[in-house]
PDB file of N, CA and C in Angstrom:
ATOM      1  N   MET A   1       0.026 -36.429  43.057  1.00  0.00           N
ATOM      2  CA  MET A   1       0.198 -37.856  43.025  1.00  0.00           C
ATOM      3  C   MET A   1      -0.594 -38.508  44.158  1.00  0.00           C
ATOM      4  N   PHE A   2      -0.526 -37.932  45.344  1.00  0.00           N
ATOM      5  CA  PHE A   2      -1.215 -38.531  46.480  1.00  0.00           C
ATOM      6  C   PHE A   2      -2.726 -38.502  46.300  1.00  0.00           C
ATOM      7  N   ARG A   3      -3.237 -37.429  45.706  1.00  0.00           N
ATOM      8  CA  ARG A   3      -4.682 -37.347  45.474  1.00  0.00           C
ATOM      9  C   ARG A   3      -5.135 -38.420  44.504  1.00  0.00           C
ATOM     10  N   LYS A   4      -4.327 -38.703  43.478  1.00  0.00           N
ATOM     11  CA  LYS A   4      -4.666 -39.755  42.520  1.00  0.00           C
ATOM     12  C   LYS A   4      -4.535 -41.141  43.144  1.00  0.00           C
ATOM     13  N   ALA A   5      -3.553 -41.303  44.017  1.00  0.00           N
ATOM     14  CA  ALA A   5      -3.269 -42.619  44.586  1.00  0.00           C
ATOM     15  C   ALA A   5      -4.263 -43.037  45.660  1.00  0.00           C
ATOM     16  N   LYS A   6      -4.859 -42.095  46.357  1.00  0.00           N
ATOM     17  CA  LYS A   6      -5.749 -42.419  47.479  1.00  0.00           C
ATOM     18  C   LYS A   6      -6.883 -43.358  47.074  1.00  0.00           C
ATOM     19  N   PRO A   7      -7.661 -43.075  46.016  1.00  0.00           N
ATOM     20  CA  PRO A   7      -8.732 -44.009  45.662  1.00  0.00           C
ATOM     21  C   PRO A   7      -8.223 -45.352  45.128  1.00  0.00           C
ATOM     22  N   LEU A   8      -6.996 -45.360  44.607  1.00  0.00           N
ATOM     23  CA  LEU A   8      -6.452 -46.597  44.046  1.00  0.00           C
ATOM     24  C   LEU A   8      -5.833 -47.502  45.111  1.00  0.00           C
ATOM     25  N   ALA A   9      -5.497 -46.929  46.263  1.00  0.00           N
ATOM     26  CA  ALA A   9      -4.845 -47.688  47.334  1.00  0.00           C
ATOM     27  C   ALA A   9      -5.542 -47.401  48.668  1.00  0.00           C
ATOM     28  N   PRO A  10      -6.752 -47.904  48.848  1.00  0.00           N
ATOM     29  CA  PRO A  10      -7.504 -47.565  50.060  1.00  0.00           C
ATOM     30  C   PRO A  10      -6.915 -48.137  51.347  1.00  0.00           C
ATOM     31  N   ARG A  11      -6.089 -49.168  51.247  1.00  0.00           N
ATOM     32  CA  ARG A  11      -5.533 -49.785  52.456  1.00  0.00           C
ATOM     33  C   ARG A  11      -4.238 -49.138  52.929  1.00  0.00           C
ATOM     34  N   VAL A  12      -3.682 -48.247  52.150  1.00  0.00           N
ATOM     35  CA  VAL A  12      -2.425 -47.587  52.537  1.00  0.00           C
ATOM     36  C   VAL A  12      -2.684 -46.700  53.744  1.00  0.00           C
ATOM     37  N   ARG A  13      -1.814 -46.806  54.726  1.00  0.00           N
ATOM     38  CA  ARG A  13      -1.920 -45.985  55.932  1.00  0.00           C
ATOM     39  C   ARG A  13      -0.652 -45.180  56.200  1.00  0.00           C
ATOM     40  N   LEU A  14       0.488 -45.647  55.640  1.00  0.00           N
ATOM     41  CA  LEU A  14       1.777 -45.051  55.949  1.00  0.00           C
ATOM     42  C   LEU A  14       2.559 -44.817  54.666  1.00  0.00           C
ATOM     43  N   VAL A  15       3.219 -43.654  54.573  1.00  0.00           N
ATOM     44  CA  VAL A  15       4.056 -43.304  53.423  1.00  0.00           C
ATOM     45  C   VAL A  15       5.453 -43.006  53.945  1.00  0.00           C
ATOM     46  N   TRP A  16       6.470 -43.654  53.365  1.00  0.00           N
ATOM     47  CA  TRP A  16       7.853 -43.379  53.741  1.00  0.00           C
ATOM     48  C   TRP A  16       8.413 -42.317  52.820  1.00  0.00           C
ATOM     49  N   ALA A  17       9.242 -41.446  53.372  1.00  0.00           N
ATOM     50  CA  ALA A  17       9.856 -40.383  52.574  1.00  0.00           C
ATOM     51  C   ALA A  17      11.323 -40.240  52.948  1.00  0.00           C
ATOM     52  N   ASP A  18      12.077 -39.679  52.032  1.00  0.00           N
ATOM     53  CA  ASP A  18      13.489 -39.401  52.237  1.00  0.00           C
ATOM     54  C   ASP A  18      13.651 -38.262  53.245  1.00  0.00           C
ATOM     55  N   GLY A  19      14.845 -38.133  53.797  1.00  0.00           N
ATOM     56  CA  GLY A  19      15.123 -37.092  54.771  1.00  0.00           C
ATOM     57  C   GLY A  19      14.925 -35.683  54.245  1.00  0.00           C
ATOM     58  N   GLY A  20      14.921 -35.501  52.932  1.00  0.00           N
ATOM     59  CA  GLY A  20      14.692 -34.190  52.344  1.00  0.00           C
ATOM     60  C   GLY A  20      13.283 -33.676  52.539  1.00  0.00           C
ATOM     61  N   TYR A  21      12.378 -34.549  52.937  1.00  0.00           N
ATOM     62  CA  TYR A  21      10.987 -34.161  53.128  1.00  0.00           C
ATOM     63  C   TYR A  21      10.655 -33.918  54.596  1.00  0.00           C
ATOM     64  N   THR A  22      11.669 -33.633  55.391  1.00  0.00           N
ATOM     65  CA  THR A  22      11.466 -33.343  56.803  1.00  0.00           C
ATOM     66  C   THR A  22      10.736 -32.015  56.954  1.00  0.00           C
ATOM     67  N   GLY A  23       9.872 -31.949  57.909  1.00  0.00           N
ATOM     68  CA  GLY A  23       9.140 -30.710  58.173  1.00  0.00           C
ATOM     69  C   GLY A  23       7.666 -30.993  58.356  1.00  0.00           C
ATOM     70  N   PRO A  24       6.995 -30.150  59.087  1.00  0.00           N
ATOM     71  CA  PRO A  24       5.598 -30.411  59.409  1.00  0.00           C
ATOM     72  C   PRO A  24       4.626 -30.143  58.267  1.00  0.00           C
ATOM     73  N   ALA A  25       5.001 -29.339  57.285  1.00  0.00           N
ATOM     74  CA  ALA A  25       4.064 -28.929  56.234  1.00  0.00           C
ATOM     75  C   ALA A  25       3.574 -30.119  55.401  1.00  0.00           C
ATOM     76  N   LEU A  26       4.497 -30.929  54.901  1.00  0.00           N
ATOM     77  CA  LEU A  26       4.103 -32.069  54.071  1.00  0.00           C
ATOM     78  C   LEU A  26       3.321 -33.089  54.876  1.00  0.00           C
ATOM     79  N   ALA A  27       3.750 -33.367  56.081  1.00  0.00           N
ATOM     80  CA  ALA A  27       3.057 -34.344  56.925  1.00  0.00           C
ATOM     81  C   ALA A  27       1.633 -33.891  57.215  1.00  0.00           C
ATOM     82  N   ALA A  28       1.458 -32.610  57.525  1.00  0.00           N
ATOM     83  CA  ALA A  28       0.118 -32.089  57.811  1.00  0.00           C
ATOM     84  C   ALA A  28      -0.762 -32.117  56.570  1.00  0.00           C
ATOM     85  N   TRP A  29      -0.198 -31.723  55.426  1.00  0.00           N
ATOM     86  CA  TRP A  29      -0.969 -31.732  54.190  1.00  0.00           C
ATOM     87  C   TRP A  29      -1.388 -33.149  53.817  1.00  0.00           C
ATOM     88  N   LEU A  30      -0.454 -34.094  53.945  1.00  0.00           N
ATOM     89  CA  LEU A  30      -0.750 -35.483  53.608  1.00  0.00           C
ATOM     90  C   LEU A  30      -1.833 -36.049  54.520  1.00  0.00           C
ATOM     91  N   LYS A  31      -1.760 -35.752  55.782  1.00  0.00           N
ATOM     92  CA  LYS A  31      -2.768 -36.217  56.742  1.00  0.00           C
ATOM     93  C   LYS A  31      -4.134 -35.611  56.415  1.00  0.00           C
ATOM     94  N   GLU A  32      -4.145 -34.332  56.057  1.00  0.00           N
ATOM     95  CA  GLU A  32      -5.397 -33.636  55.762  1.00  0.00           C
ATOM     96  C   GLU A  32      -6.058 -34.126  54.478  1.00  0.00           C
ATOM     97  N   THR A  33      -5.258 -34.310  53.420  1.00  0.00           N
ATOM     98  CA  THR A  33      -5.830 -34.662  52.123  1.00  0.00           C
ATOM     99  C   THR A  33      -6.118 -36.147  51.953  1.00  0.00           C
ATOM    100  N   SER A  34      -5.338 -37.003  52.607  1.00  0.00           N
ATOM    101  CA  SER A  34      -5.514 -38.432  52.359  1.00  0.00           C
ATOM    102  C   SER A  34      -5.589 -39.278  53.617  1.00  0.00           C
ATOM    103  N   SER A  35      -5.433 -38.688  54.780  1.00  0.00           N
ATOM    104  CA  SER A  35      -5.423 -39.376  56.080  1.00  0.00           C
ATOM    105  C   SER A  35      -4.286 -40.392  56.206  1.00  0.00           C
ATOM    106  N   TRP A  36      -3.218 -40.169  55.457  1.00  0.00           N
ATOM    107  CA  TRP A  36      -2.045 -41.031  55.544  1.00  0.00           C
ATOM    108  C   TRP A  36      -1.025 -40.407  56.484  1.00  0.00           C
ATOM    109  N   GLU A  37      -0.271 -41.260  57.160  1.00  0.00           N
ATOM    110  CA  GLU A  37       0.825 -40.811  58.021  1.00  0.00           C
ATOM    111  C   GLU A  37       2.110 -40.757  57.191  1.00  0.00           C
ATOM    112  N   LEU A  38       2.983 -39.812  57.494  1.00  0.00           N
ATOM    113  CA  LEU A  38       4.259 -39.681  56.807  1.00  0.00           C
ATOM    114  C   LEU A  38       5.377 -40.069  57.760  1.00  0.00           C
ATOM    115  N   ALA A  39       6.212 -41.022  57.351  1.00  0.00           N
ATOM    116  CA  ALA A  39       7.370 -41.431  58.135  1.00  0.00           C
ATOM    117  C   ALA A  39       8.627 -41.070  57.337  1.00  0.00           C
ATOM    118  N   VAL A  40       9.431 -40.173  57.887  1.00  0.00           N
ATOM    119  CA  VAL A  40      10.651 -39.727  57.221  1.00  0.00           C
ATOM    120  C   VAL A  40      11.810 -40.591  57.704  1.00  0.00           C
ATOM    121  N   VAL A  41      12.526 -41.203  56.748  1.00  0.00           N
ATOM    122  CA  VAL A  41      13.688 -42.031  57.062  1.00  0.00           C
ATOM    123  C   VAL A  41      14.913 -41.127  56.998  1.00  0.00           C
ATOM    124  N   LYS A  42      15.542 -40.904  58.147  1.00  0.00           N
ATOM    125  CA  LYS A  42      16.680 -39.984  58.221  1.00  0.00           C
ATOM    126  C   LYS A  42      17.996 -40.734  58.366  1.00  0.00           C
ATOM    127  N   ARG A  43      19.050 -40.130  57.816  1.00  0.00           N
ATOM    128  CA  ARG A  43      20.395 -40.675  57.995  1.00  0.00           C
ATOM    129  C   ARG A  43      20.939 -40.198  59.328  1.00  0.00           C
ATOM    130  N   THR A  44      21.707 -41.064  59.975  1.00  0.00           N
ATOM    131  CA  THR A  44      22.316 -40.666  61.241  1.00  0.00           C
ATOM    132  C   THR A  44      23.745 -40.185  61.033  1.00  0.00           C
ATOM    133  N   GLU A  45      24.442 -40.756  60.057  1.00  0.00           N
ATOM    134  CA  GLU A  45      25.825 -40.368  59.776  1.00  0.00           C
ATOM    135  C   GLU A  45      25.893 -39.823  58.361  1.00  0.00           C
ATOM    136  N   LEU A  46      26.566 -38.702  58.190  1.00  0.00           N
ATOM    137  CA  LEU A  46      26.553 -38.020  56.903  1.00  0.00           C
ATOM    138  C   LEU A  46      27.428 -38.692  55.851  1.00  0.00           C
ATOM    139  N   HIS A  47      28.663 -39.071  56.201  1.00  0.00           N
ATOM    140  CA  HIS A  47      29.594 -39.590  55.193  1.00  0.00           C
ATOM    141  C   HIS A  47      29.924 -41.068  55.375  1.00  0.00           C
ATOM    142  N   ALA A  48      29.067 -41.802  56.008  1.00  0.00           N
ATOM    143  CA  ALA A  48      29.302 -43.234  56.198  1.00  0.00           C
ATOM    144  C   ALA A  48      28.157 -44.012  55.571  1.00  0.00           C
ATOM    145  N   PHE A  49      28.491 -45.158  54.983  1.00  0.00           N
ATOM    146  CA  PHE A  49      27.447 -45.992  54.385  1.00  0.00           C
ATOM    147  C   PHE A  49      26.765 -46.792  55.482  1.00  0.00           C
ATOM    148  N   LYS A  50      25.464 -46.711  55.489  1.00  0.00           N
ATOM    149  CA  LYS A  50      24.670 -47.490  56.424  1.00  0.00           C
ATOM    150  C   LYS A  50      23.334 -47.777  55.765  1.00  0.00           C
ATOM    151  N   VAL A  51      22.902 -49.013  55.806  1.00  0.00           N
ATOM    152  CA  VAL A  51      21.618 -49.375  55.227  1.00  0.00           C
ATOM    153  C   VAL A  51      20.517 -48.795  56.102  1.00  0.00           C
ATOM    154  N   LEU A  52      19.663 -47.990  55.487  1.00  0.00           N
ATOM    155  CA  LEU A  52      18.569 -47.367  56.222  1.00  0.00           C
ATOM    156  C   LEU A  52      17.313 -48.215  56.114  1.00  0.00           C
ATOM    157  N   PRO A  53      16.491 -48.224  57.150  1.00  0.00           N
ATOM    158  CA  PRO A  53      15.268 -49.017  57.090  1.00  0.00           C
ATOM    159  C   PRO A  53      14.350 -48.519  55.979  1.00  0.00           C
ATOM    160  N   ARG A  54      13.817 -49.424  55.202  1.00  0.00           N
ATOM    161  CA  ARG A  54      12.882 -49.186  54.108  1.00  0.00           C
ATOM    162  C   ARG A  54      13.485 -48.469  52.907  1.00  0.00           C
ATOM    163  N   ARG A  55      14.667 -47.914  53.029  1.00  0.00           N
ATOM    164  CA  ARG A  55      15.285 -47.196  51.912  1.00  0.00           C
ATOM    165  C   ARG A  55      15.625 -48.158  50.770  1.00  0.00           C
ATOM    166  N   TRP A  56      16.017 -49.372  51.100  1.00  0.00           N
ATOM    167  CA  TRP A  56      16.407 -50.344  50.083  1.00  0.00           C
ATOM    168  C   TRP A  56      15.249 -50.701  49.164  1.00  0.00           C
ATOM    169  N   VAL A  57      14.020 -50.574  49.626  1.00  0.00           N
ATOM    170  CA  VAL A  57      12.859 -50.894  48.796  1.00  0.00           C
ATOM    171  C   VAL A  57      12.811 -49.961  47.590  1.00  0.00           C
ATOM    172  N   VAL A  58      13.032 -48.686  47.818  1.00  0.00           N
ATOM    173  CA  VAL A  58      13.013 -47.709  46.736  1.00  0.00           C
ATOM    174  C   VAL A  58      14.172 -47.954  45.779  1.00  0.00           C
ATOM    175  N   GLU A  59      15.362 -48.152  46.326  1.00  0.00           N
ATOM    176  CA  GLU A  59      16.538 -48.380  45.483  1.00  0.00           C
ATOM    177  C   GLU A  59      16.380 -49.643  44.643  1.00  0.00           C
ATOM    178  N   ARG A  60      15.838 -50.689  45.228  1.00  0.00           N
ATOM    179  CA  ARG A  60      15.625 -51.935  44.495  1.00  0.00           C
ATOM    180  C   ARG A  60      14.625 -51.738  43.361  1.00  0.00           C
ATOM    181  N   THR A  61      13.568 -50.991  43.627  1.00  0.00           N
ATOM    182  CA  THR A  61      12.556 -50.740  42.610  1.00  0.00           C
ATOM    183  C   THR A  61      13.135 -49.949  41.455  1.00  0.00           C
ATOM    184  N   PHE A  62      13.946 -48.924  41.749  1.00  0.00           N
ATOM    185  CA  PHE A  62      14.601 -48.176  40.679  1.00  0.00           C
ATOM    186  C   PHE A  62      15.526 -49.083  39.872  1.00  0.00           C
ATOM    187  N   GLY A  63      16.179 -50.024  40.542  1.00  0.00           N
ATOM    188  CA  GLY A  63      17.027 -50.986  39.843  1.00  0.00           C
ATOM    189  C   GLY A  63      16.226 -51.840  38.875  1.00  0.00           C
ATOM    190  N   TRP A  64      15.044 -52.261  39.286  1.00  0.00           N
ATOM    191  CA  TRP A  64      14.163 -53.030  38.394  1.00  0.00           C
ATOM    192  C   TRP A  64      13.780 -52.203  37.177  1.00  0.00           C
ATOM    193  N   PHE A  65      13.486 -50.931  37.401  1.00  0.00           N
ATOM    194  CA  PHE A  65      13.089 -50.072  36.287  1.00  0.00           C
ATOM    195  C   PHE A  65      14.193 -49.942  35.250  1.00  0.00           C
ATOM    196  N   MET A  66      15.448 -49.936  35.685  1.00  0.00           N
ATOM    197  CA  MET A  66      16.553 -49.748  34.752  1.00  0.00           C
ATOM    198  C   MET A  66      16.757 -50.949  33.835  1.00  0.00           C
ATOM    199  N   LYS A  67      16.137 -52.072  34.138  1.00  0.00           N
ATOM    200  CA  LYS A  67      16.235 -53.240  33.261  1.00  0.00           C
ATOM    201  C   LYS A  67      15.352 -53.100  32.020  1.00  0.00           C
ATOM    202  N   TRP A  68      14.427 -52.164  32.045  1.00  0.00           N
ATOM    203  CA  TRP A  68      13.480 -51.973  30.953  1.00  0.00           C
ATOM    204  C   TRP A  68      13.935 -50.798  30.095  1.00  0.00           C
ATOM    205  N   ARG A  69      14.106 -51.047  28.817  1.00  0.00           N
ATOM    206  CA  ARG A  69      14.636 -50.019  27.918  1.00  0.00           C
ATOM    207  C   ARG A  69      13.733 -48.793  27.868  1.00  0.00           C
ATOM    208  N   CYS A  70      12.428 -48.999  27.914  1.00  0.00           N
ATOM    209  CA  CYS A  70      11.509 -47.857  27.823  1.00  0.00           C
ATOM    210  C   CYS A  70      11.670 -46.910  29.011  1.00  0.00           C
ATOM    211  N   LEU A  71      12.200 -47.401  30.134  1.00  0.00           N
ATOM    212  CA  LEU A  71      12.419 -46.541  31.292  1.00  0.00           C
ATOM    213  C   LEU A  71      13.884 -46.149  31.460  1.00  0.00           C
ATOM    214  N   ASN A  72      14.780 -46.950  30.893  1.00  0.00           N
ATOM    215  CA  ASN A  72      16.205 -46.692  31.019  1.00  0.00           C
ATOM    216  C   ASN A  72      16.644 -45.554  30.100  1.00  0.00           C
ATOM    217  N   ARG A  73      16.106 -45.541  28.899  1.00  0.00           N
ATOM    218  CA  ARG A  73      16.406 -44.480  27.938  1.00  0.00           C
ATOM    219  C   ARG A  73      15.200 -43.559  27.891  1.00  0.00           C
ATOM    220  N   HIS A  74      15.446 -42.283  27.960  1.00  0.00           N
ATOM    221  CA  HIS A  74      14.349 -41.321  28.026  1.00  0.00           C
ATOM    222  C   HIS A  74      13.874 -40.962  26.622  1.00  0.00           C
ATOM    223  N   HIS A  75      12.998 -41.808  26.080  1.00  0.00           N
ATOM    224  CA  HIS A  75      12.465 -41.579  24.743  1.00  0.00           C
ATOM    225  C   HIS A  75      11.179 -40.769  24.785  1.00  0.00           C
ATOM    226  N   ALA A  76      10.468 -40.825  25.880  1.00  0.00           N
ATOM    227  CA  ALA A  76       9.148 -40.206  25.958  1.00  0.00           C
ATOM    228  C   ALA A  76       9.243 -38.691  26.002  1.00  0.00           C
ATOM    229  N   ARG A  77       8.281 -38.066  25.375  1.00  0.00           N
ATOM    230  CA  ARG A  77       8.231 -36.606  25.381  1.00  0.00           C
ATOM    231  C   ARG A  77       7.202 -36.093  26.383  1.00  0.00           C
ATOM    232  N   LYS A  78       6.257 -36.937  26.748  1.00  0.00           N
ATOM    233  CA  LYS A  78       5.199 -36.511  27.657  1.00  0.00           C
ATOM    234  C   LYS A  78       5.295 -37.280  28.978  1.00  0.00           C
ATOM    235  N   PRO A  79       5.028 -36.625  30.092  1.00  0.00           N
ATOM    236  CA  PRO A  79       5.046 -37.318  31.386  1.00  0.00           C
ATOM    237  C   PRO A  79       4.015 -38.439  31.469  1.00  0.00           C
ATOM    238  N   GLU A  80       2.906 -38.278  30.750  1.00  0.00           N
ATOM    239  CA  GLU A  80       1.872 -39.311  30.758  1.00  0.00           C
ATOM    240  C   GLU A  80       2.387 -40.619  30.155  1.00  0.00           C
ATOM    241  N   THR A  81       3.259 -40.499  29.158  1.00  0.00           N
ATOM    242  CA  THR A  81       3.828 -41.696  28.539  1.00  0.00           C
ATOM    243  C   THR A  81       4.718 -42.439  29.525  1.00  0.00           C
ATOM    244  N   VAL A  82       5.529 -41.705  30.270  1.00  0.00           N
ATOM    245  CA  VAL A  82       6.399 -42.322  31.275  1.00  0.00           C
ATOM    246  C   VAL A  82       5.550 -42.975  32.362  1.00  0.00           C
ATOM    247  N   GLU A  83       4.488 -42.306  32.772  1.00  0.00           N
ATOM    248  CA  GLU A  83       3.591 -42.875  33.787  1.00  0.00           C
ATOM    249  C   GLU A  83       2.976 -44.179  33.287  1.00  0.00           C
ATOM    250  N   ASN A  84       2.558 -44.211  32.039  1.00  0.00           N
ATOM    251  CA  ASN A  84       2.001 -45.437  31.468  1.00  0.00           C
ATOM    252  C   ASN A  84       3.049 -46.543  31.393  1.00  0.00           C
ATOM    253  N   ASP A  85       4.267 -46.189  31.017  1.00  0.00           N
ATOM    254  CA  ASP A  85       5.349 -47.175  30.969  1.00  0.00           C
ATOM    255  C   ASP A  85       5.613 -47.767  32.349  1.00  0.00           C
ATOM    256  N   LEU A  86       5.629 -46.916  33.380  1.00  0.00           N
ATOM    257  CA  LEU A  86       5.822 -47.409  34.752  1.00  0.00           C
ATOM    258  C   LEU A  86       4.720 -48.383  35.143  1.00  0.00           C
ATOM    259  N   CYS A  87       3.497 -48.047  34.806  1.00  0.00           N
ATOM    260  CA  CYS A  87       2.372 -48.942  35.131  1.00  0.00           C
ATOM    261  C   CYS A  87       2.512 -50.280  34.413  1.00  0.00           C
ATOM    262  N   LEU A  88       2.901 -50.248  33.157  1.00  0.00           N
ATOM    263  CA  LEU A  88       3.068 -51.493  32.398  1.00  0.00           C
ATOM    264  C   LEU A  88       4.196 -52.353  32.969  1.00  0.00           C
ATOM    265  N   VAL A  89       5.312 -51.733  33.301  1.00  0.00           N
ATOM    266  CA  VAL A  89       6.450 -52.472  33.845  1.00  0.00           C
ATOM    267  C   VAL A  89       6.091 -53.090  35.193  1.00  0.00           C
ATOM    268  N   MET A  90       5.471 -52.322  36.072  1.00  0.00           N
ATOM    269  CA  MET A  90       5.100 -52.863  37.385  1.00  0.00           C
ATOM    270  C   MET A  90       4.050 -53.957  37.261  1.00  0.00           C
ATOM    271  N   THR A  91       3.126 -53.807  36.311  1.00  0.00           N
ATOM    272  CA  THR A  91       2.129 -54.853  36.077  1.00  0.00           C
ATOM    273  C   THR A  91       2.805 -56.145  35.631  1.00  0.00           C
ATOM    274  N   LYS A  92       3.757 -56.035  34.723  1.00  0.00           N
ATOM    275  CA  LYS A  92       4.468 -57.228  34.249  1.00  0.00           C
ATOM    276  C   LYS A  92       5.259 -57.871  35.384  1.00  0.00           C
ATOM    277  N   LEU A  93       5.935 -57.054  36.207  1.00  0.00           N
ATOM    278  CA  LEU A  93       6.689 -57.603  37.343  1.00  0.00           C
ATOM    279  C   LEU A  93       5.771 -58.325  38.330  1.00  0.00           C
ATOM    280  N   MET A  94       4.647 -57.725  38.640  1.00  0.00           N
ATOM    281  CA  MET A  94       3.719 -58.335  39.599  1.00  0.00           C
ATOM    282  C   MET A  94       3.086 -59.602  39.020  1.00  0.00           C
ATOM    283  N   LEU A  95       2.758 -59.600  37.736  1.00  0.00           N
ATOM    284  CA  LEU A  95       2.204 -60.803  37.119  1.00  0.00           C
ATOM    285  C   LEU A  95       3.195 -61.960  37.152  1.00  0.00           C
ATOM    286  N   ARG A  96       4.472 -61.663  36.916  1.00  0.00           N
ATOM    287  CA  ARG A  96       5.500 -62.706  37.010  1.00  0.00           C
ATOM    288  C   ARG A  96       5.564 -63.290  38.420  1.00  0.00           C
ATOM    289  N   ARG A  97       5.495 -62.424  39.417  1.00  0.00           N
ATOM    290  CA  ARG A  97       5.523 -62.914  40.804  1.00  0.00           C
ATOM    291  C   ARG A  97       4.316 -63.772  41.129  1.00  0.00           C
ATOM    292  N   LEU A  98       3.140 -63.301  40.719  1.00  0.00           N
ATOM    293  CA  LEU A  98       1.925 -64.061  40.999  1.00  0.00           C
ATOM    294  C   LEU A  98       1.926 -65.399  40.271  1.00  0.00           C
ATOM    295  N   ALA A  99       2.405 -65.421  39.046  1.00  0.00           N
ATOM    296  CA  ALA A  99       2.466 -66.677  38.295  1.00  0.00           C
ATOM    297  C   ALA A  99       3.451 -67.638  38.937  1.00  0.00           C
ATOM    298  N   ALA A 100       4.572 -67.130  39.428  1.00  0.00           N
ATOM    299  CA  ALA A 100       5.569 -67.991  40.084  1.00  0.00           C
ATOM    300  C   ALA A 100       5.011 -68.554  41.393  1.00  0.00           C
ATOM    301  N   GLN A 101       4.254 -67.779  42.118  1.00  0.00           N
ATOM    302  CA  GLN A 101       3.649 -68.259  43.371  1.00  0.00           C
ATOM    303  C   GLN A 101       2.621 -69.333  43.094  1.00  0.00           C
ATOM    304  N   LYS A 102       1.847 -69.159  42.046  1.00  0.00           N
ATOM    305  CA  LYS A 102       0.814 -70.135  41.719  1.00  0.00           C
ATOM    306  C   LYS A 102       1.434 -71.473  41.298  1.00  0.00           C
ATOM    307  N   VAL A 103       2.515 -71.422  40.555  1.00  0.00           N
ATOM    308  CA  VAL A 103       3.204 -72.642  40.107  1.00  0.00           C
ATOM    309  C   VAL A 103       3.833 -73.350  41.309  1.00  0.00           C
ATOM    310  N   ALA A 104       4.420 -72.565  42.221  1.00  0.00           N
ATOM    311  CA  ALA A 104       5.087 -73.158  43.380  1.00  0.00           C
ATOM    312  C   ALA A 104       4.091 -73.756  44.378  1.00  0.00           C
ATOM    313  N   ALA A 105       2.870 -73.246  44.390  1.00  0.00           N
ATOM    314  CA  ALA A 105       1.873 -73.714  45.361  1.00  0.00           C
ATOM    315  C   ALA A 105       1.270 -75.019  45.013  1.00  0.00           C
TER     316      ALA A 105
END
């Protein structure tokens, strides 16, 4: 995924990851292959709810995806189809935002 994303996102410098990706191997590989830095967001308390920095962005995005039937129900048989659906949904979301900004301006 990172190899595909690098040419599409040349301005990206930092990638956030869940605490499960702790360890030097992924960070070193990511730096070597794409020159991106890896920032792991770790929990401080195990059984207490606490809003973690940047974690809400991922959760919110997954929430947006669940509003779309093509992503909410797993109808696709191929991973490429799901990838295309994600691209279409994000394109529609971004177009709505850009259109709303243009109208408000």
